[in-house]
Amino acid sequence: MKYLSTLILLLLLTSCYEFERNCSDYQTGYFRSEIEIDGKTYTSIFNRSKDLQIETYNKKTDSSSLRWINDCEVIFTTINPKSMAAKKDVHLKILTTTDSTYTFEYSYVGEVTKQKGIAYKVN
């Protein structure tokens, strides 16, 4: 019984622990992101201001306007979409931060399937 109460106490303490997120540190800057899908890593670089992101992936550059929901969540809208998929807005949520990285999840607005990735602050 003593071990059970100790285990329950530990579970309660660890389940209440919340990671500190300094999301505002990542609202602007120059970044490199990595996303792994089906065992393959995709890398892009992007420069983000408070309301605009310019991203280069696979030697193609796209620009998106940004609408911050709160310090840790943002909606991306492609400025000049060239496909139906690019016309869909993307919701990104910063999950955790360190001094030079953040982990995130993203999905098309209204869709349940989410992908996760990590972004590294370059400058």
N, C-alpha and C. Protein backbone atom coordinates (compact mmCIF):
# COMPACT_ATOMS: atom_id res chain seq x y z
N MET A 1 0.83 -1.20 0.00
CA MET A 1 0.00 0.00 0.00
C MET A 1 0.87 1.26 0.00
N LYS A 2 1.99 1.20 0.72
CA LYS A 2 2.89 2.34 0.79
C LYS A 2 3.44 2.68 -0.60
N TYR A 3 3.79 1.65 -1.38
CA TYR A 3 4.31 1.87 -2.72
C TYR A 3 3.24 2.43 -3.66
N LEU A 4 2.01 1.97 -3.48
CA LEU A 4 0.91 2.45 -4.31
C LEU A 4 0.67 3.93 -4.07
N SER A 5 0.65 4.36 -2.80
CA SER A 5 0.43 5.78 -2.52
C SER A 5 1.60 6.63 -3.02
N THR A 6 2.83 6.12 -2.95
CA THR A 6 3.98 6.85 -3.48
C THR A 6 3.87 6.97 -4.99
N LEU A 7 3.48 5.91 -5.66
CA LEU A 7 3.30 5.92 -7.11
C LEU A 7 2.22 6.91 -7.53
N ILE A 8 1.12 6.93 -6.83
CA ILE A 8 0.03 7.86 -7.14
C ILE A 8 0.49 9.30 -6.93
N LEU A 9 1.22 9.55 -5.88
CA LEU A 9 1.73 10.90 -5.62
C LEU A 9 2.68 11.34 -6.73
N LEU A 10 3.58 10.45 -7.15
CA LEU A 10 4.50 10.79 -8.24
C LEU A 10 3.76 11.07 -9.53
N LEU A 11 2.75 10.27 -9.85
CA LEU A 11 1.96 10.50 -11.06
C LEU A 11 1.24 11.84 -11.02
N LEU A 12 0.70 12.18 -9.88
CA LEU A 12 0.02 13.47 -9.75
C LEU A 12 0.98 14.63 -9.93
N LEU A 13 2.17 14.53 -9.35
CA LEU A 13 3.14 15.61 -9.47
C LEU A 13 3.66 15.76 -10.89
N THR A 14 3.94 14.66 -11.57
CA THR A 14 4.49 14.75 -12.92
C THR A 14 3.42 15.10 -13.94
N SER A 15 2.19 14.72 -13.72
CA SER A 15 1.14 15.05 -14.69
C SER A 15 0.78 16.53 -14.63
N CYS A 16 1.08 17.19 -13.54
CA CYS A 16 0.79 18.62 -13.41
C CYS A 16 1.93 19.49 -13.91
N TYR A 17 3.08 18.88 -14.18
CA TYR A 17 4.22 19.66 -14.63
C TYR A 17 3.98 20.16 -16.05
N GLU A 18 4.18 21.43 -16.24
CA GLU A 18 3.98 22.03 -17.56
C GLU A 18 5.31 22.62 -18.03
N PHE A 19 5.65 22.32 -19.29
CA PHE A 19 6.88 22.86 -19.85
C PHE A 19 6.74 24.36 -20.04
N GLU A 20 7.81 25.08 -19.75
CA GLU A 20 7.82 26.51 -19.98
C GLU A 20 8.02 26.75 -21.47
N ARG A 21 7.17 27.57 -22.03
CA ARG A 21 7.28 27.90 -23.45
C ARG A 21 7.49 29.40 -23.57
N ASN A 22 8.56 29.77 -24.26
CA ASN A 22 8.83 31.17 -24.55
C ASN A 22 8.54 31.41 -26.03
N CYS A 23 7.29 31.28 -26.39
CA CYS A 23 6.88 31.34 -27.79
C CYS A 23 7.17 32.68 -28.44
N SER A 24 7.08 33.75 -27.68
CA SER A 24 7.30 35.07 -28.28
C SER A 24 8.72 35.22 -28.82
N ASP A 25 9.67 34.43 -28.29
CA ASP A 25 11.04 34.44 -28.80
C ASP A 25 11.13 33.93 -30.24
N TYR A 26 10.10 33.21 -30.69
CA TYR A 26 10.13 32.57 -32.01
C TYR A 26 9.11 33.15 -32.98
N GLN A 27 8.55 34.28 -32.66
CA GLN A 27 7.60 34.92 -33.58
C GLN A 27 8.30 35.65 -34.71
N THR A 28 9.56 35.97 -34.53
CA THR A 28 10.34 36.61 -35.59
C THR A 28 11.73 36.00 -35.62
N GLY A 29 12.36 36.03 -36.80
CA GLY A 29 13.73 35.55 -36.92
C GLY A 29 13.93 34.70 -38.15
N TYR A 30 15.12 34.14 -38.23
CA TYR A 30 15.54 33.30 -39.36
C TYR A 30 15.68 31.88 -38.82
N PHE A 31 15.02 30.90 -39.48
CA PHE A 31 14.92 29.55 -38.95
C PHE A 31 15.19 28.49 -40.02
N ARG A 32 15.51 27.29 -39.53
CA ARG A 32 15.57 26.08 -40.36
C ARG A 32 14.67 25.07 -39.66
N SER A 33 13.77 24.45 -40.42
CA SER A 33 12.87 23.46 -39.82
C SER A 33 13.07 22.09 -40.44
N GLU A 34 12.80 21.07 -39.64
CA GLU A 34 12.87 19.69 -40.09
C GLU A 34 11.59 18.98 -39.70
N ILE A 35 11.04 18.27 -40.68
CA ILE A 35 9.82 17.50 -40.47
C ILE A 35 10.09 16.11 -41.02
N GLU A 36 9.75 15.09 -40.25
CA GLU A 36 9.94 13.72 -40.72
C GLU A 36 8.58 13.12 -41.05
N ILE A 37 8.45 12.65 -42.29
CA ILE A 37 7.23 12.00 -42.76
C ILE A 37 7.61 10.69 -43.41
N ASP A 38 7.04 9.60 -42.91
CA ASP A 38 7.31 8.26 -43.43
C ASP A 38 8.81 7.96 -43.50
N GLY A 39 9.54 8.35 -42.47
CA GLY A 39 10.97 8.06 -42.39
C GLY A 39 11.87 8.97 -43.21
N LYS A 40 11.30 9.93 -43.91
CA LYS A 40 12.10 10.85 -44.71
C LYS A 40 12.04 12.24 -44.07
N THR A 41 13.21 12.89 -43.98
CA THR A 41 13.30 14.22 -43.37
C THR A 41 13.23 15.30 -44.44
N TYR A 42 12.34 16.26 -44.23
CA TYR A 42 12.17 17.40 -45.13
C TYR A 42 12.65 18.65 -44.40
N THR A 43 13.49 19.43 -45.06
CA THR A 43 14.07 20.62 -44.45
C THR A 43 13.69 21.86 -45.25
N SER A 44 13.38 22.93 -44.54
CA SER A 44 13.13 24.21 -45.20
C SER A 44 13.78 25.31 -44.36
N ILE A 45 13.98 26.45 -44.99
CA ILE A 45 14.48 27.62 -44.27
C ILE A 45 13.46 28.73 -44.44
N PHE A 46 13.34 29.56 -43.43
CA PHE A 46 12.36 30.65 -43.52
C PHE A 46 12.76 31.83 -42.66
N ASN A 47 12.30 32.98 -43.11
CA ASN A 47 12.49 34.24 -42.41
C ASN A 47 11.12 34.73 -42.02
N ARG A 48 10.92 35.01 -40.74
CA ARG A 48 9.60 35.36 -40.24
C ARG A 48 9.63 36.72 -39.56
N SER A 49 8.71 37.58 -39.98
CA SER A 49 8.45 38.82 -39.24
C SER A 49 7.13 38.60 -38.50
N LYS A 50 6.64 39.59 -37.82
CA LYS A 50 5.42 39.43 -37.03
C LYS A 50 4.21 39.07 -37.90
N ASP A 51 4.18 39.52 -39.15
CA ASP A 51 3.00 39.27 -39.99
C ASP A 51 3.31 38.66 -41.36
N LEU A 52 4.57 38.24 -41.60
CA LEU A 52 4.94 37.67 -42.90
C LEU A 52 6.01 36.60 -42.72
N GLN A 53 5.88 35.51 -43.47
CA GLN A 53 6.92 34.48 -43.48
C GLN A 53 7.29 34.16 -44.92
N ILE A 54 8.59 34.17 -45.22
CA ILE A 54 9.10 33.81 -46.54
C ILE A 54 9.89 32.53 -46.35
N GLU A 55 9.43 31.46 -47.02
CA GLU A 55 9.99 30.12 -46.82
C GLU A 55 10.54 29.57 -48.13
N THR A 56 11.70 28.92 -48.04
CA THR A 56 12.29 28.25 -49.20
C THR A 56 12.37 26.76 -48.90
N TYR A 57 11.74 25.99 -49.78
CA TYR A 57 11.75 24.54 -49.67
C TYR A 57 11.95 23.96 -51.07
N ASN A 58 12.93 23.08 -51.20
CA ASN A 58 13.18 22.42 -52.48
C ASN A 58 13.41 23.44 -53.60
N LYS A 59 14.17 24.50 -53.28
CA LYS A 59 14.54 25.57 -54.22
C LYS A 59 13.34 26.39 -54.71
N LYS A 60 12.23 26.32 -53.99
CA LYS A 60 11.04 27.13 -54.32
C LYS A 60 10.72 28.00 -53.11
N THR A 61 10.38 29.27 -53.39
CA THR A 61 10.09 30.22 -52.32
C THR A 61 8.61 30.57 -52.32
N ASP A 62 8.02 30.55 -51.12
CA ASP A 62 6.61 30.93 -50.93
C ASP A 62 6.53 31.94 -49.80
N SER A 63 5.53 32.79 -49.88
CA SER A 63 5.29 33.78 -48.84
C SER A 63 3.91 33.56 -48.25
N SER A 64 3.83 33.73 -46.95
CA SER A 64 2.55 33.58 -46.24
C SER A 64 2.34 34.76 -45.31
N SER A 65 1.09 35.18 -45.22
CA SER A 65 0.76 36.17 -44.20
C SER A 65 0.45 35.41 -42.92
N LEU A 66 0.73 36.05 -41.79
CA LEU A 66 0.57 35.40 -40.49
C LEU A 66 -0.50 36.11 -39.67
N ARG A 67 -1.28 35.29 -38.97
CA ARG A 67 -2.24 35.82 -38.00
C ARG A 67 -2.03 35.05 -36.70
N TRP A 68 -1.45 35.73 -35.71
CA TRP A 68 -1.18 35.08 -34.44
C TRP A 68 -2.46 35.01 -33.62
N ILE A 69 -2.83 33.80 -33.19
CA ILE A 69 -4.00 33.58 -32.35
C ILE A 69 -3.65 33.93 -30.90
N ASN A 70 -2.47 33.48 -30.49
CA ASN A 70 -1.89 33.82 -29.18
C ASN A 70 -0.37 33.72 -29.36
N ASP A 71 0.40 33.80 -28.30
CA ASP A 71 1.86 33.77 -28.44
C ASP A 71 2.38 32.48 -29.05
N CYS A 72 1.63 31.38 -28.92
CA CYS A 72 2.12 30.07 -29.35
C CYS A 72 1.39 29.47 -30.54
N GLU A 73 0.38 30.14 -31.09
CA GLU A 73 -0.37 29.59 -32.21
C GLU A 73 -0.53 30.63 -33.31
N VAL A 74 -0.37 30.17 -34.55
CA VAL A 74 -0.43 31.08 -35.70
C VAL A 74 -1.14 30.40 -36.86
N ILE A 75 -1.80 31.20 -37.68
CA ILE A 75 -2.44 30.74 -38.93
C ILE A 75 -1.65 31.32 -40.08
N PHE A 76 -1.22 30.45 -41.02
CA PHE A 76 -0.51 30.86 -42.23
C PHE A 76 -1.48 30.86 -43.40
N THR A 77 -1.48 31.93 -44.18
CA THR A 77 -2.26 32.03 -45.40
C THR A 77 -1.30 32.33 -46.54
N THR A 78 -1.20 31.41 -47.51
CA THR A 78 -0.30 31.61 -48.65
C THR A 78 -0.74 32.83 -49.43
N ILE A 79 0.20 33.71 -49.76
CA ILE A 79 -0.13 34.97 -50.43
C ILE A 79 -0.53 34.75 -51.89
N ASN A 80 0.25 33.98 -52.64
CA ASN A 80 -0.08 33.69 -54.04
C ASN A 80 -0.11 32.18 -54.27
N PRO A 81 -1.21 31.53 -53.86
CA PRO A 81 -1.26 30.07 -53.98
C PRO A 81 -1.28 29.62 -55.44
N LYS A 82 -0.52 28.57 -55.72
CA LYS A 82 -0.44 28.05 -57.08
C LYS A 82 -1.12 26.69 -57.21
N SER A 83 -1.69 26.18 -56.13
CA SER A 83 -2.39 24.90 -56.17
C SER A 83 -3.54 24.96 -55.17
N MET A 84 -4.41 23.96 -55.25
CA MET A 84 -5.54 23.90 -54.32
C MET A 84 -5.04 23.69 -52.89
N ALA A 85 -4.01 22.87 -52.73
CA ALA A 85 -3.47 22.62 -51.38
C ALA A 85 -2.90 23.90 -50.78
N ALA A 86 -2.26 24.72 -51.59
CA ALA A 86 -1.66 25.96 -51.10
C ALA A 86 -2.73 26.99 -50.72
N LYS A 87 -3.96 26.80 -51.19
CA LYS A 87 -5.04 27.73 -50.83
C LYS A 87 -5.57 27.49 -49.43
N LYS A 88 -5.24 26.32 -48.85
CA LYS A 88 -5.71 26.00 -47.51
C LYS A 88 -4.80 26.66 -46.47
N ASP A 89 -5.41 27.26 -45.46
CA ASP A 89 -4.65 27.85 -44.37
C ASP A 89 -4.04 26.74 -43.51
N VAL A 90 -2.92 27.06 -42.89
CA VAL A 90 -2.22 26.11 -42.03
C VAL A 90 -2.20 26.66 -40.60
N HIS A 91 -2.52 25.80 -39.65
CA HIS A 91 -2.48 26.15 -38.24
C HIS A 91 -1.24 25.52 -37.63
N LEU A 92 -0.39 26.33 -36.98
CA LEU A 92 0.83 25.84 -36.34
C LEU A 92 0.77 26.18 -34.86
N LYS A 93 1.13 25.21 -34.04
CA LYS A 93 1.16 25.42 -32.59
C LYS A 93 2.55 25.04 -32.08
N ILE A 94 3.19 25.96 -31.36
CA ILE A 94 4.48 25.70 -30.73
C ILE A 94 4.21 24.91 -29.45
N LEU A 95 4.83 23.71 -29.35
CA LEU A 95 4.59 22.84 -28.21
C LEU A 95 5.59 23.05 -27.09
N THR A 96 6.88 23.12 -27.43
CA THR A 96 7.94 23.33 -26.44
C THR A 96 9.00 24.24 -27.03
N THR A 97 9.75 24.90 -26.16
CA THR A 97 10.85 25.75 -26.62
C THR A 97 12.10 25.47 -25.79
N THR A 98 13.25 25.73 -26.41
CA THR A 98 14.53 25.75 -25.69
C THR A 98 15.16 27.10 -26.00
N ASP A 99 16.43 27.25 -25.70
CA ASP A 99 17.08 28.53 -25.99
C ASP A 99 17.30 28.76 -27.48
N SER A 100 17.29 27.69 -28.29
CA SER A 100 17.55 27.87 -29.73
C SER A 100 16.64 27.05 -30.65
N THR A 101 15.66 26.33 -30.09
CA THR A 101 14.76 25.52 -30.92
C THR A 101 13.33 25.58 -30.38
N TYR A 102 12.41 25.17 -31.24
CA TYR A 102 11.05 24.91 -30.76
C TYR A 102 10.49 23.71 -31.51
N THR A 103 9.70 22.92 -30.81
CA THR A 103 8.98 21.83 -31.46
C THR A 103 7.57 22.32 -31.73
N PHE A 104 7.00 21.83 -32.81
CA PHE A 104 5.69 22.32 -33.22
C PHE A 104 4.87 21.20 -33.83
N GLU A 105 3.58 21.44 -33.90
CA GLU A 105 2.68 20.60 -34.67
C GLU A 105 1.88 21.50 -35.58
N TYR A 106 1.52 20.98 -36.74
CA TYR A 106 0.77 21.79 -37.69
C TYR A 106 -0.20 20.91 -38.46
N SER A 107 -1.21 21.56 -39.00
CA SER A 107 -2.19 20.88 -39.84
C SER A 107 -2.92 21.93 -40.67
N TYR A 108 -3.60 21.46 -41.70
CA TYR A 108 -4.49 22.37 -42.42
C TYR A 108 -5.64 22.72 -41.48
N VAL A 109 -6.11 23.95 -41.54
CA VAL A 109 -7.20 24.39 -40.68
C VAL A 109 -8.42 23.50 -40.93
N GLY A 110 -8.98 22.99 -39.85
CA GLY A 110 -10.17 22.15 -39.93
C GLY A 110 -9.88 20.66 -40.09
N GLU A 111 -8.63 20.28 -40.30
CA GLU A 111 -8.29 18.87 -40.45
C GLU A 111 -7.73 18.32 -39.15
N VAL A 112 -7.96 17.04 -38.92
CA VAL A 112 -7.55 16.40 -37.68
C VAL A 112 -6.10 15.93 -37.72
N THR A 113 -5.63 15.45 -38.88
CA THR A 113 -4.28 14.92 -39.01
C THR A 113 -3.25 16.01 -38.79
N LYS A 114 -2.32 15.75 -37.86
CA LYS A 114 -1.28 16.73 -37.54
C LYS A 114 0.09 16.11 -37.79
N GLN A 115 1.03 16.95 -38.15
CA GLN A 115 2.43 16.56 -38.30
C GLN A 115 3.23 17.33 -37.25
N LYS A 116 4.36 16.74 -36.86
CA LYS A 116 5.23 17.41 -35.88
C LYS A 116 6.59 17.67 -36.49
N GLY A 117 7.26 18.69 -35.98
CA GLY A 117 8.59 19.02 -36.46
C GLY A 117 9.35 19.83 -35.43
N ILE A 118 10.55 20.21 -35.83
CA ILE A 118 11.40 21.02 -34.96
C ILE A 118 11.99 22.15 -35.80
N ALA A 119 12.09 23.33 -35.22
CA ALA A 119 12.68 24.48 -35.90
C ALA A 119 13.87 24.97 -35.07
N TYR A 120 14.92 25.33 -35.79
CA TYR A 120 16.16 25.80 -35.19
C TYR A 120 16.33 27.27 -35.53
N LYS A 121 16.59 28.10 -34.53
CA LYS A 121 16.85 29.52 -34.79
C LYS A 121 18.25 29.64 -35.35
N VAL A 122 18.36 30.23 -36.54
CA VAL A 122 19.65 30.35 -37.22
C VAL A 122 20.36 31.63 -36.79
N ASN A 123 19.66 32.73 -36.72
CA ASN A 123 20.23 34.01 -36.26
C ASN A 123 19.44 34.55 -35.13
